[in-house]
N, C-alpha and C. Protein backbone atom coordinates (compact mmCIF):
# COMPACT_ATOMS: atom_id res chain seq x y z
N UNK A 1 4.64 1.57 -7.61
CA UNK A 1 4.56 1.42 -6.65
C UNK A 1 3.28 0.97 -6.91
N UNK A 2 2.97 -0.15 -6.55
CA UNK A 2 1.75 -0.31 -6.14
C UNK A 2 1.00 0.19 -5.01
N UNK A 3 -0.41 0.39 -4.82
CA UNK A 3 -1.04 0.55 -3.64
C UNK A 3 -0.89 0.06 -2.43
N UNK A 4 -0.81 -1.28 -2.23
CA UNK A 4 -0.67 -1.96 -0.97
C UNK A 4 0.86 -2.21 -0.68
N UNK A 5 1.82 -1.28 -1.12
CA UNK A 5 3.37 -1.03 -1.12
C UNK A 5 3.06 0.05 0.40
N UNK A 6 3.64 -0.39 1.41
CA UNK A 6 3.98 0.94 2.47
C UNK A 6 5.32 1.54 2.43
N UNK A 7 5.27 2.53 3.29
CA UNK A 7 6.72 3.35 3.39
C UNK A 7 6.34 3.34 5.16
N UNK A 8 7.46 3.82 5.08
CA UNK A 8 7.95 4.54 6.20
C UNK A 8 6.46 5.96 6.92
N UNK A 9 6.39 6.34 5.96
CA UNK A 9 5.63 7.65 6.23
C UNK A 9 4.27 7.10 6.35
N UNK A 10 3.77 5.84 5.74
CA UNK A 10 2.48 5.32 6.10
C UNK A 10 2.03 5.25 7.44
N UNK A 11 3.04 5.10 8.10
CA UNK A 11 2.57 4.66 9.88
C UNK A 11 2.69 5.99 10.54
N UNK A 12 1.68 5.59 11.86
CA UNK A 12 2.12 6.89 12.52
C UNK A 12 3.06 6.58 13.43
N UNK A 13 3.32 7.88 14.33
CA UNK A 13 4.78 7.44 15.29
C UNK A 13 4.32 6.48 16.23
N UNK A 14 3.32 6.04 17.00
CA UNK A 14 2.91 4.96 17.33
C UNK A 14 2.91 3.91 17.02
N UNK A 15 2.62 3.43 15.54
CA UNK A 15 2.89 2.35 15.35
C UNK A 15 4.12 1.92 14.85
N UNK A 16 4.68 2.97 14.68
CA UNK A 16 5.94 2.80 14.27
C UNK A 16 6.89 1.97 15.51
N UNK A 17 6.53 2.76 16.41
CA UNK A 17 6.64 1.92 18.40
C UNK A 17 6.54 1.13 18.16
N UNK A 18 5.09 0.71 18.20
CA UNK A 18 4.74 -0.65 18.79
C UNK A 18 5.37 -2.10 17.43
N UNK A 19 5.52 -1.69 16.38
CA UNK A 19 5.91 -2.22 15.46
C UNK A 19 7.61 -2.51 16.14
N UNK A 20 8.53 -1.12 16.45
CA UNK A 20 9.86 -1.66 16.96
C UNK A 20 9.87 -2.89 17.82
N UNK A 21 8.73 -2.07 19.14
CA UNK A 21 8.89 -2.88 20.29
C UNK A 21 8.39 -4.41 19.80
N UNK A 22 7.40 -4.79 18.81
CA UNK A 22 7.31 -6.37 18.62
C UNK A 22 8.63 -6.74 17.81
N UNK A 23 9.07 -5.85 16.95
CA UNK A 23 10.07 -6.59 16.16
C UNK A 23 11.25 -7.19 17.22
N UNK A 24 11.76 -6.18 18.41
CA UNK A 24 12.77 -6.53 19.52
C UNK A 24 12.08 -7.86 19.93
N UNK A 25 10.96 -7.75 20.51
CA UNK A 25 10.17 -9.12 21.36
C UNK A 25 10.72 -10.54 20.46
N UNK A 26 10.44 -10.18 18.70
CA UNK A 26 10.85 -11.06 17.90
C UNK A 26 12.15 -11.59 18.15
N UNK A 27 13.41 -10.69 18.20
CA UNK A 27 14.71 -11.03 18.04
C UNK A 27 14.56 -11.98 19.69
N UNK A 28 14.40 -11.49 20.37
CA UNK A 28 14.92 -11.84 21.41
C UNK A 28 14.36 -13.36 22.06
N UNK A 29 12.82 -13.20 20.99
CA UNK A 29 12.69 -15.17 21.19
C UNK A 29 13.09 -16.03 20.54
N UNK A 30 13.77 -14.92 19.21
CA UNK A 30 14.37 -15.75 18.19
C UNK A 30 15.99 -16.29 18.61
N UNK A 31 16.68 -15.81 19.91
CA UNK A 31 17.71 -15.94 20.25
C UNK A 31 17.41 -17.21 21.49
N UNK A 32 16.10 -17.52 22.11
CA UNK A 32 15.90 -19.00 22.72
C UNK A 32 16.03 -20.31 22.14
N UNK A 33 16.60 -19.73 20.51
CA UNK A 33 16.32 -20.72 19.70
C UNK A 33 15.22 -20.72 18.28
N UNK A 34 15.55 -21.76 17.46
CA UNK A 34 14.91 -21.74 16.37
C UNK A 34 13.66 -22.21 16.49
N UNK A 35 13.05 -23.29 17.76
CA UNK A 35 11.55 -23.95 17.47
C UNK A 35 11.37 -23.05 18.35
N UNK A 36 10.88 -22.00 18.66
CA UNK A 36 10.04 -21.17 19.05
C UNK A 36 9.58 -20.10 18.74
N UNK A 37 8.15 -20.75 18.94
CA UNK A 37 7.28 -19.59 17.74
C UNK A 37 6.99 -18.04 18.39
N UNK A 38 6.85 -17.38 16.67
CA UNK A 38 7.33 -16.01 16.86
C UNK A 38 5.80 -15.71 16.14
N UNK A 39 4.95 -16.36 15.61
CA UNK A 39 3.91 -16.47 15.06
C UNK A 39 2.74 -15.37 15.54
N UNK A 40 2.39 -15.33 16.76
CA UNK A 40 1.72 -14.20 17.36
C UNK A 40 2.06 -12.73 17.19
N UNK A 41 3.08 -12.66 17.29
CA UNK A 41 3.83 -11.03 17.28
C UNK A 41 4.35 -10.90 15.57
N UNK A 42 4.09 -11.81 14.64
CA UNK A 42 3.81 -11.74 13.49
C UNK A 42 2.55 -11.07 12.84
N UNK A 43 1.64 -12.17 13.52
CA UNK A 43 0.34 -11.68 13.43
C UNK A 43 -0.05 -10.51 13.75
N UNK A 44 0.43 -9.74 14.54
CA UNK A 44 0.32 -8.44 15.28
C UNK A 44 1.00 -7.18 14.71
N UNK A 45 1.84 -7.14 14.03
CA UNK A 45 2.47 -6.52 13.09
C UNK A 45 1.35 -6.38 11.68
N UNK A 46 1.43 -7.89 11.32
CA UNK A 46 0.45 -7.63 10.00
C UNK A 46 -0.79 -6.81 10.46
N UNK A 47 -1.19 -6.90 11.33
CA UNK A 47 -2.54 -6.20 11.73
C UNK A 47 -2.27 -4.82 11.76
N UNK A 48 -1.21 -4.41 12.64
CA UNK A 48 -0.70 -3.01 11.94
C UNK A 48 -0.52 -2.56 10.70
N UNK A 49 0.08 -3.26 10.01
CA UNK A 49 0.02 -3.12 8.68
C UNK A 49 -1.09 -2.75 7.67
N UNK A 50 -2.09 -3.86 8.25
CA UNK A 50 -3.63 -3.41 7.54
C UNK A 50 -3.93 -2.26 7.97
N UNK A 51 -3.98 -1.81 9.31
CA UNK A 51 -4.65 -0.62 9.41
C UNK A 51 -4.09 0.64 8.40
N UNK A 52 -2.55 0.70 8.60
CA UNK A 52 -1.93 1.45 7.70
C UNK A 52 -2.27 1.58 6.15
N UNK A 53 -2.46 0.47 5.90
CA UNK A 53 -2.86 0.20 4.36
C UNK A 53 -3.98 0.95 4.08
N UNK A 54 -5.55 0.26 5.12
CA UNK A 54 -6.70 1.03 4.96
C UNK A 54 -6.56 2.29 4.87
N UNK A 55 -6.03 2.82 6.01
CA UNK A 55 -5.81 4.35 6.20
C UNK A 55 -5.35 5.19 5.00
N UNK A 56 -4.38 4.37 3.93
CA UNK A 56 -4.10 4.70 2.76
C UNK A 56 -4.65 4.75 1.94
N UNK A 57 -5.55 3.69 1.84
CA UNK A 57 -6.53 3.74 0.82
C UNK A 57 -7.86 4.91 1.03
N UNK A 58 -7.63 5.55 2.03
CA UNK A 58 -8.93 6.00 2.53
C UNK A 58 -10.24 5.43 2.82
N UNK A 59 -10.17 4.57 3.36
CA UNK A 59 -11.01 3.24 3.95
C UNK A 59 -11.47 3.74 5.23
């Protein structure tokens, strides 16, 4: 396993909840059709993942 790999234990409870809500919003937008943009929600999830990755690396 590489240092950049994240597992569920690398996230705080709040981060898990926020990711869950963002994924639900992505699914809701996805139901509206394939042309609906969800890139803003993906970026928000990536920022949460980046924070967990920094914390895991001790920075």
